[in-house]
């Protein structure tokens, strides 16, 4: 039996400029590309019309078309990774498994489990950096400790960055090293228990004119001022290195958004507790959040009586996307106006966002709640009316998603802004004062 190596696709669903795939194809054995629909993850998804699963399936189909032209095939499995690797080891004589780094708690646990199992079978696991530009210990303070404030981190990030970090991995030079075999059928969504919605996904091409105007337009939800490439970065259908190379001379503001992404992945790596529902600033876990009596459901459904908040939630529920400025507004509203635990909002976004990423989602929610690294101070309470005046002055965004906002049928505000702000400041101050004593 011929000896082969495996490349295990995870958050890197592309053949071009893929670090782990490049190293696999340069190895001494033919490479079988594998993807696993991990039932440990899929079984937790309550909504079986999940567009993220549909996105993954579409990306796999796109890669398969490329692979078939090379007389090879992607092998797609449905099950636990441990069970799948047992199947692969019965099917092939495997020497090495290649994949790219994961930074999330479950991903790391999964990796350790598979690595330990493979070692018992005499197979080695090799992982590489691919989904971020600078990771782990590549950007540290002078005392070798991790940064917890973004601005100095971003300065050091830019000082550390060099051409090597953005260099493309020329995988196409080694495509002949794929294992030759007829096409293997990819399971349909129905076969793995999901239903297709068949809505279009955001384009993966970068609009350079949009990037040039990014700083001026990015805060206005009625304007197409953001690239909406988040889902492609989340699942690796585009290369972060290629994107950074294209945008770094067009817009420093846009590049900073990519640096924020690295920053939150670095935080998750050095402070893994944040990915397990623990506040980055532990004293914020003493806050006495209100018990929900129906307000959370109204927030979820876009029925709070605050049009800018409701517009954001309805956009999310209908499209799987929410404009970044509005994400901050709705998160502040849940945690400060309603005084409901930020973990409720974090979990809802995790369920609904097409571009959901644990590191960035947790970072954003803890920022809004004041409990995170480099967070908004607790006494900063977004005023939804002022945010509307500033960022949706013509009410274009609101009219699109909340057309009835001026009608009698539209609910009255769930809470008065000034009352909510006063309550928030008192509760936060009380909790943090107790902690300080």
Protein backbone atom coordinates (compact mmCIF):
# COMPACT_ATOMS: atom_id res chain seq x y z
CA UNK A 1 0.00 0.00 0.00
CA UNK A 2 1.33 3.42 -0.94
CA UNK A 3 2.22 5.74 1.95
CA UNK A 4 0.31 9.04 1.92
CA UNK A 5 0.04 12.25 3.95
CA UNK A 6 -3.22 13.93 4.92
CA UNK A 7 -4.05 17.62 4.79
CA UNK A 8 -6.90 18.39 7.20
CA UNK A 9 -8.91 21.47 6.14
CA UNK A 10 -10.58 23.40 8.95
CA UNK A 11 -10.69 27.23 8.85
CA UNK A 12 -8.70 27.47 5.63
CA UNK A 13 -11.04 26.45 2.82
CA UNK A 14 -8.88 27.35 -0.18
CA UNK A 15 -6.13 25.74 -2.24
CA UNK A 16 -4.15 28.91 -2.93
CA UNK A 17 -1.75 30.53 -0.42
CA UNK A 18 -2.50 27.99 2.29
CA UNK A 19 0.42 27.53 4.72
CA UNK A 20 -0.31 24.02 5.97
CA UNK A 21 -1.30 22.76 2.54
CA UNK A 22 1.93 24.16 1.08
CA UNK A 23 4.03 22.21 3.59
CA UNK A 24 1.96 19.07 3.02
CA UNK A 25 2.38 19.24 -0.76
CA UNK A 26 6.13 19.76 -0.36
CA UNK A 27 6.42 16.62 1.78
CA UNK A 28 7.65 13.27 0.55
CA UNK A 29 4.27 11.57 0.03
CA UNK A 30 1.14 12.16 -2.09
CA UNK A 31 -1.41 14.29 -0.22
CA UNK A 32 -5.06 13.44 0.38
CA UNK A 33 -7.12 16.58 1.21
CA UNK A 34 -9.71 15.90 3.92
CA UNK A 35 -12.52 17.90 5.53
CA UNK A 36 -14.55 16.72 8.52
CA UNK A 37 -18.05 17.96 9.29
CA UNK A 38 -17.41 17.70 13.02
CA UNK A 39 -20.51 16.38 14.77
CA UNK A 40 -19.18 17.66 18.11
CA UNK A 41 -19.85 21.13 16.66
CA UNK A 42 -22.80 20.46 14.35
CA UNK A 43 -24.83 18.63 16.99
CA UNK A 44 -24.86 21.82 19.10
CA UNK A 45 -26.44 23.88 16.31
CA UNK A 46 -30.17 24.09 16.99
CA UNK A 47 -31.02 25.80 13.69
CA UNK A 48 -30.68 23.25 10.91
CA UNK A 49 -30.90 25.99 8.30
CA UNK A 50 -27.54 27.40 9.41
CA UNK A 51 -26.00 29.49 6.64
CA UNK A 52 -22.49 28.91 7.94
CA UNK A 53 -22.79 25.20 7.28
CA UNK A 54 -24.17 26.08 3.84
CA UNK A 55 -21.21 28.41 3.27
CA UNK A 56 -18.75 25.67 4.21
CA UNK A 57 -20.50 23.24 1.87
CA UNK A 58 -20.33 25.74 -1.00
CA UNK A 59 -16.61 26.34 -0.34
CA UNK A 60 -15.95 22.60 -0.37
CA UNK A 61 -17.80 22.22 -3.67
CA UNK A 62 -15.71 25.05 -5.14
CA UNK A 63 -12.45 23.40 -4.04
CA UNK A 64 -13.64 20.03 -5.33
CA UNK A 65 -14.14 21.44 -8.82
CA UNK A 66 -10.52 22.62 -8.80
CA UNK A 67 -9.26 19.30 -7.45
CA UNK A 68 -11.14 17.19 -10.01
CA UNK A 69 -9.25 19.04 -12.77
CA UNK A 70 -6.04 17.77 -11.15
CA UNK A 71 -7.32 14.14 -11.12
CA UNK A 72 -7.65 14.18 -7.37
CA UNK A 73 -10.47 14.62 -4.87
CA UNK A 74 -11.38 16.12 -1.54
CA UNK A 75 -12.61 13.51 0.93
CA UNK A 76 -15.39 14.90 3.12
CA UNK A 77 -16.50 13.03 6.23
CA UNK A 78 -19.31 13.50 8.74
CA UNK A 79 -18.56 12.41 12.30
CA UNK A 80 -16.21 13.05 15.19
CA UNK A 81 -12.61 13.75 14.16
CA UNK A 82 -11.39 10.79 16.23
CA UNK A 83 -13.75 8.37 14.47
CA UNK A 84 -12.83 9.83 11.06
CA UNK A 85 -9.09 9.43 11.63
CA UNK A 86 -9.68 5.81 12.66
CA UNK A 87 -11.43 5.32 9.30
CA UNK A 88 -8.59 7.03 7.43
CA UNK A 89 -5.95 4.89 9.16
CA UNK A 90 -7.83 1.74 8.18
CA UNK A 91 -8.09 2.98 4.60
CA UNK A 92 -4.58 4.38 4.00
CA UNK A 93 -1.00 3.97 5.15
CA UNK A 94 -0.47 7.46 6.62
CA UNK A 95 2.87 8.93 7.67
CA UNK A 96 1.98 12.55 8.51
CA UNK A 97 -1.08 14.76 9.00
CA UNK A 98 -0.82 18.48 8.21
CA UNK A 99 -3.22 21.22 9.29
CA UNK A 100 -3.24 24.89 10.31
CA UNK A 101 -3.28 26.32 13.83
CA UNK A 102 -6.47 26.73 15.78
CA UNK A 103 -6.73 29.11 18.74
CA UNK A 104 -10.14 28.34 20.21
CA UNK A 105 -10.56 26.17 23.33
CA UNK A 106 -12.46 23.39 21.57
CA UNK A 107 -10.09 23.46 18.58
CA UNK A 108 -7.08 23.07 20.85
CA UNK A 109 -8.71 20.21 22.80
CA UNK A 110 -9.60 18.49 19.52
CA UNK A 111 -6.05 18.93 18.23
CA UNK A 112 -4.49 17.44 21.37
CA UNK A 113 -6.86 14.47 21.22
CA UNK A 114 -6.05 13.76 17.57
CA UNK A 115 -2.33 14.32 18.06
CA UNK A 116 -2.23 11.85 20.96
CA UNK A 117 -4.22 9.27 19.00
CA UNK A 118 -2.07 9.63 15.89
CA UNK A 119 1.08 9.20 17.97
CA UNK A 120 -0.18 5.81 19.16
CA UNK A 121 -0.40 4.86 15.48
CA UNK A 122 3.06 6.15 14.61
CA UNK A 123 1.67 9.16 12.73
CA UNK A 124 2.86 12.74 13.36
CA UNK A 125 0.71 15.91 13.33
CA UNK A 126 2.16 19.15 11.93
CA UNK A 127 0.42 22.54 12.28
CA UNK A 128 1.14 25.97 10.79
CA UNK A 129 0.09 29.61 11.16
CA UNK A 130 -2.43 30.58 8.48
CA UNK A 131 -5.56 32.38 9.70
CA UNK A 132 -3.79 35.37 11.28
CA UNK A 133 -0.78 37.46 10.28
CA UNK A 134 1.03 37.66 13.63
CA UNK A 135 0.14 35.26 16.43
CA UNK A 136 0.83 34.00 19.93
CA UNK A 137 4.22 35.39 21.05
CA UNK A 138 5.13 37.24 17.84
CA UNK A 139 4.01 40.60 19.26
CA UNK A 140 5.00 41.02 22.90
CA UNK A 141 5.87 43.94 25.17
CA UNK A 142 9.51 44.61 25.95
CA UNK A 143 9.12 42.58 29.17
CA UNK A 144 7.97 39.58 27.07
CA UNK A 145 4.41 39.82 28.40
CA UNK A 146 1.36 39.99 26.12
CA UNK A 147 -0.25 43.33 25.34
CA UNK A 148 -3.73 43.97 26.71
CA UNK A 149 -4.24 47.41 25.16
CA UNK A 150 -4.75 47.68 21.41
CA UNK A 151 -2.95 50.93 20.49
CA UNK A 152 0.53 49.97 21.75
CA UNK A 153 -0.06 46.44 20.41
CA UNK A 154 -0.84 47.83 16.96
CA UNK A 155 2.31 49.99 17.00
CA UNK A 156 4.46 46.98 17.90
CA UNK A 157 2.59 44.84 15.34
CA UNK A 158 3.51 47.30 12.59
CA UNK A 159 7.11 47.44 13.81
CA UNK A 160 7.40 43.63 13.84
CA UNK A 161 5.71 43.11 10.47
CA UNK A 162 7.96 42.51 7.49
CA UNK A 163 7.59 41.13 3.98
CA UNK A 164 8.13 37.59 5.19
CA UNK A 165 4.90 37.66 7.21
CA UNK A 166 2.87 38.56 4.11
CA UNK A 167 4.72 36.29 1.70
CA UNK A 168 2.47 34.06 -0.35
CA UNK A 169 2.73 30.28 -0.09
CA UNK A 170 2.92 29.11 -3.76
CA UNK A 171 0.89 25.93 -3.33
CA UNK A 172 0.11 25.75 -7.06
CA UNK A 173 3.76 24.80 -7.77
CA UNK A 174 3.13 21.50 -6.02
CA UNK A 175 -0.42 20.63 -7.06
CA UNK A 176 0.94 17.57 -8.90
CA UNK A 177 1.68 16.07 -5.46
CA UNK A 178 -1.99 15.50 -4.65
CA UNK A 179 -2.93 11.83 -4.39
CA UNK A 180 -4.49 10.75 -7.69
CA UNK A 181 -7.98 9.29 -7.39
CA UNK A 182 -11.46 9.65 -8.94
CA UNK A 183 -13.84 12.24 -7.51
CA UNK A 184 -15.42 11.30 -4.19
CA UNK A 185 -18.93 12.64 -3.63
CA UNK A 186 -19.30 15.44 -1.09
CA UNK A 187 -22.26 14.88 1.28
CA UNK A 188 -25.19 17.17 0.60
CA UNK A 189 -26.55 19.46 3.30
CA UNK A 190 -29.63 17.25 3.58
CA UNK A 191 -27.44 14.18 4.10
CA UNK A 192 -25.80 15.78 7.15
CA UNK A 193 -29.14 16.99 8.55
CA UNK A 194 -29.15 20.62 7.38
CA UNK A 195 -31.37 22.58 5.00
CA UNK A 196 -30.08 24.96 2.34
CA UNK A 197 -31.44 28.52 2.31
CA UNK A 198 -29.88 29.31 -1.09
CA UNK A 199 -29.33 33.00 -0.38
CA UNK A 200 -26.28 34.64 -1.98
CA UNK A 201 -23.12 35.05 0.08
CA UNK A 202 -20.92 38.19 0.15
CA UNK A 203 -18.38 38.39 -2.65
CA UNK A 204 -14.80 37.44 -1.81
CA UNK A 205 -13.32 40.12 -4.07
CA UNK A 206 -11.90 43.27 -2.47
CA UNK A 207 -13.36 46.58 -3.61
CA UNK A 208 -10.28 48.83 -3.56
CA UNK A 209 -12.32 52.02 -3.92
CA UNK A 210 -14.35 51.02 -0.89
CA UNK A 211 -11.14 50.43 1.07
CA UNK A 212 -9.79 53.86 0.09
CA UNK A 213 -12.97 55.46 1.47
CA UNK A 214 -13.16 53.11 4.45
CA UNK A 215 -12.22 55.64 7.13
CA UNK A 216 -14.90 58.13 6.01
CA UNK A 217 -17.69 55.64 5.34
CA UNK A 218 -17.27 52.70 7.70
CA UNK A 219 -19.51 54.06 10.50
CA UNK A 220 -22.62 54.65 8.41
CA UNK A 221 -24.80 51.52 8.22
CA UNK A 222 -26.91 52.84 5.30
CA UNK A 223 -23.76 53.14 3.15
CA UNK A 224 -21.92 50.19 1.64
CA UNK A 225 -18.78 51.23 3.45
CA UNK A 226 -17.49 47.90 4.77
CA UNK A 227 -16.02 45.04 2.74
CA UNK A 228 -18.14 42.25 4.32
CA UNK A 229 -15.19 39.89 3.93
CA UNK A 230 -15.57 38.68 7.52
CA UNK A 231 -17.14 35.35 6.56
CA UNK A 232 -14.35 34.68 4.04
CA UNK A 233 -11.71 35.37 6.70
CA UNK A 234 -13.64 33.26 9.20
CA UNK A 235 -13.58 30.19 6.98
CA UNK A 236 -10.37 30.96 5.13
CA UNK A 237 -11.81 31.18 1.64
CA UNK A 238 -9.46 34.15 1.17
CA UNK A 239 -5.90 34.55 2.45
CA UNK A 240 -5.37 37.05 5.28
CA UNK A 241 -1.87 37.66 3.90
CA UNK A 242 -3.20 38.50 0.45
CA UNK A 243 -5.86 40.81 1.91
CA UNK A 244 -3.37 42.66 4.12
CA UNK A 245 -0.98 43.06 1.18
CA UNK A 246 -3.72 44.60 -0.96
CA UNK A 247 -5.06 46.99 1.66
CA UNK A 248 -2.00 48.13 3.65
CA UNK A 249 -1.18 50.95 1.24
CA UNK A 250 -4.83 51.85 0.60
CA UNK A 251 -6.14 52.45 4.13
CA UNK A 252 -4.43 52.31 7.50
CA UNK A 253 -7.88 52.27 9.12
CA UNK A 254 -8.79 49.11 7.23
CA UNK A 255 -5.44 47.52 8.09
CA UNK A 256 -6.14 48.35 11.75
CA UNK A 257 -9.29 46.22 11.56
CA UNK A 258 -7.14 43.27 10.52
CA UNK A 259 -4.78 44.06 13.40
CA UNK A 260 -7.76 44.05 15.81
CA UNK A 261 -8.47 40.55 14.51
CA UNK A 262 -4.90 39.44 15.33
CA UNK A 263 -5.14 41.21 18.70
CA UNK A 264 -8.24 39.31 19.79
CA UNK A 265 -6.76 35.98 18.65
CA UNK A 266 -3.62 36.80 20.66
CA UNK A 267 -5.78 37.60 23.70
CA UNK A 268 -7.65 34.29 23.36
CA UNK A 269 -4.34 32.42 23.10
CA UNK A 270 -2.77 34.03 26.18
CA UNK A 271 -5.97 34.31 28.23
CA UNK A 272 -8.02 31.24 27.18
CA UNK A 273 -10.47 31.77 30.04
CA UNK A 274 -12.18 34.53 28.02
CA UNK A 275 -13.31 31.88 25.55
CA UNK A 276 -15.01 30.01 28.38
CA UNK A 277 -17.33 32.76 29.58
CA UNK A 278 -15.03 34.43 32.11
CA UNK A 279 -14.55 38.21 32.16
CA UNK A 280 -11.09 39.40 31.19
CA UNK A 281 -11.30 41.75 34.19
CA UNK A 282 -12.49 39.32 36.90
CA UNK A 283 -13.99 42.09 39.06
CA UNK A 284 -16.68 42.55 36.39
CA UNK A 285 -17.99 39.08 37.18
CA UNK A 286 -19.32 40.56 40.44
CA UNK A 287 -21.85 42.71 38.58
CA UNK A 288 -25.41 41.80 39.52
CA UNK A 289 -27.03 41.45 36.12
CA UNK A 290 -30.80 41.79 36.06
CA UNK A 291 -32.87 38.66 35.76
CA UNK A 292 -34.45 38.57 32.31
CA UNK A 293 -38.22 39.01 32.29
CA UNK A 294 -38.79 39.10 28.54
CA UNK A 295 -36.48 41.95 27.58
CA UNK A 296 -33.88 39.66 26.05
CA UNK A 297 -36.43 38.18 23.65
CA UNK A 298 -37.55 41.68 22.65
CA UNK A 299 -33.92 42.63 22.05
CA UNK A 300 -33.38 39.50 19.95
CA UNK A 301 -36.48 40.16 17.87
CA UNK A 302 -35.83 43.87 17.29
CA UNK A 303 -38.78 45.04 19.40
CA UNK A 304 -37.11 47.30 21.99
CA UNK A 305 -38.72 50.55 20.82
CA UNK A 306 -35.30 51.98 19.95
CA UNK A 307 -35.25 52.03 16.12
CA UNK A 308 -31.46 51.88 15.63
CA UNK A 309 -31.22 48.89 17.99
CA UNK A 310 -34.17 47.13 16.39
CA UNK A 311 -32.84 47.78 12.88
CA UNK A 312 -29.56 46.10 13.78
CA UNK A 313 -31.19 43.04 15.29
CA UNK A 314 -33.55 42.63 12.36
CA UNK A 315 -30.67 42.95 9.91
CA UNK A 316 -28.85 40.22 11.83
CA UNK A 317 -31.86 37.91 11.97
CA UNK A 318 -32.60 38.33 8.27
CA UNK A 319 -29.12 38.32 6.77
CA UNK A 320 -26.60 36.90 9.27
CA UNK A 321 -24.76 40.22 9.07
CA UNK A 322 -24.78 43.37 11.19
CA UNK A 323 -22.89 46.57 10.52
CA UNK A 324 -19.97 46.99 12.96
CA UNK A 325 -21.09 50.37 14.34
CA UNK A 326 -24.54 48.92 15.00
CA UNK A 327 -23.00 45.86 16.68
CA UNK A 328 -21.51 48.24 19.26
CA UNK A 329 -24.84 50.02 19.72
CA UNK A 330 -26.92 46.87 20.26
CA UNK A 331 -24.28 45.33 22.54
CA UNK A 332 -24.10 48.46 24.66
CA UNK A 333 -27.90 48.53 24.81
CA UNK A 334 -28.18 44.96 26.08
CA UNK A 335 -25.46 45.28 28.70
CA UNK A 336 -25.95 48.89 29.82
CA UNK A 337 -29.60 49.82 29.12
CA UNK A 338 -31.10 46.44 29.98
CA UNK A 339 -28.33 45.37 32.39
CA UNK A 340 -28.45 41.84 30.99
CA UNK A 341 -25.38 39.62 31.05
CA UNK A 342 -23.11 40.13 28.03
CA UNK A 343 -22.83 36.35 27.70
CA UNK A 344 -26.47 36.24 26.54
CA UNK A 345 -25.65 38.57 23.65
CA UNK A 346 -22.38 36.80 22.90
CA UNK A 347 -24.24 33.48 22.58
CA UNK A 348 -26.96 35.00 20.37
CA UNK A 349 -24.39 36.51 18.01
CA UNK A 350 -22.57 33.15 17.97
CA UNK A 351 -25.80 31.56 16.83
CA UNK A 352 -26.73 34.14 14.20
CA UNK A 353 -23.61 35.77 12.73
CA UNK A 354 -22.44 34.42 9.41
CA UNK A 355 -18.93 35.68 10.20
CA UNK A 356 -19.00 34.48 13.83
CA UNK A 357 -15.50 34.19 15.22
CA UNK A 358 -15.07 33.32 18.90
CA UNK A 359 -12.06 35.60 19.52
CA UNK A 360 -13.55 38.69 17.86
CA UNK A 361 -17.09 38.08 19.14
CA UNK A 362 -15.94 37.66 22.73
CA UNK A 363 -13.64 40.66 22.39
CA UNK A 364 -16.45 42.83 21.06
CA UNK A 365 -18.94 41.84 23.74
CA UNK A 366 -16.50 42.25 26.59
CA UNK A 367 -15.49 45.62 25.13
CA UNK A 368 -19.13 46.73 25.18
CA UNK A 369 -19.71 45.44 28.71
CA UNK A 370 -16.53 47.10 30.00
CA UNK A 371 -15.17 43.77 31.23
CA UNK A 372 -12.66 43.15 28.44
CA UNK A 373 -9.12 44.18 27.63
CA UNK A 374 -8.91 47.76 26.37
CA UNK A 375 -12.67 47.99 26.91
CA UNK A 376 -14.96 50.98 26.85
CA UNK A 377 -15.15 52.34 30.43
CA UNK A 378 -18.27 51.23 32.27
CA UNK A 379 -19.59 54.78 32.45
CA UNK A 380 -19.62 55.06 28.65
CA UNK A 381 -23.24 54.32 27.79
CA UNK A 382 -24.14 54.76 24.13
CA UNK A 383 -27.17 57.01 23.63
CA UNK A 384 -29.13 55.33 20.80
CA UNK A 385 -30.74 58.61 19.77
CA UNK A 386 -27.41 60.43 19.46
CA UNK A 387 -25.91 57.43 17.64
CA UNK A 388 -28.81 57.63 15.19
CA UNK A 389 -28.35 61.36 14.63
CA UNK A 390 -24.65 60.88 14.02
CA UNK A 391 -24.58 57.72 11.91
CA UNK A 392 -28.04 57.40 10.31
CA UNK A 393 -29.16 61.06 10.11
CA UNK A 394 -31.55 60.48 7.19
CA UNK A 395 -32.93 57.35 8.93
CA UNK A 396 -32.22 55.39 5.75
CA UNK A 397 -30.99 52.32 7.60
CA UNK A 398 -33.83 52.48 10.12
CA UNK A 399 -36.50 52.85 7.41
CA UNK A 400 -35.13 49.77 5.64
CA UNK A 401 -35.35 47.48 8.65
CA UNK A 402 -37.99 49.14 10.86
CA UNK A 403 -40.44 50.68 8.36
CA UNK A 404 -43.17 50.94 11.03
CA UNK A 405 -41.05 52.91 13.52
CA UNK A 406 -43.39 55.97 13.34
CA UNK A 407 -46.62 53.98 13.57
CA UNK A 408 -48.76 53.27 16.63
CA UNK A 409 -48.01 49.58 16.23
CA UNK A 410 -44.33 50.15 16.98
CA UNK A 411 -43.56 49.41 20.65
CA UNK A 412 -42.76 52.16 23.11
CA UNK A 413 -39.14 52.20 24.39
CA UNK A 414 -38.50 49.22 26.64
CA UNK A 415 -36.75 51.55 29.09
CA UNK A 416 -36.07 55.29 29.22
CA UNK A 417 -32.51 56.18 28.28
CA UNK A 418 -31.73 58.40 31.26
CA UNK A 419 -33.31 55.96 33.73
CA UNK A 420 -31.32 53.09 32.21
CA UNK A 421 -28.08 55.06 32.23
CA UNK A 422 -28.47 56.04 35.90
CA UNK A 423 -29.28 52.44 36.89
CA UNK A 424 -26.32 51.12 34.94
CA UNK A 425 -23.83 53.49 36.53
CA UNK A 426 -25.11 52.69 40.02
CA UNK A 427 -24.97 48.90 39.57
CA UNK A 428 -21.54 48.92 37.93
CA UNK A 429 -20.08 51.37 40.47
CA UNK A 430 -21.47 49.35 43.38
CA UNK A 431 -20.02 46.07 42.10
CA UNK A 432 -16.60 47.50 41.34
CA UNK A 433 -16.49 49.37 44.64
CA UNK A 434 -17.21 46.16 46.59
CA UNK A 435 -14.49 44.37 44.66
CA UNK A 436 -12.01 47.13 45.47
CA UNK A 437 -12.66 46.95 49.23
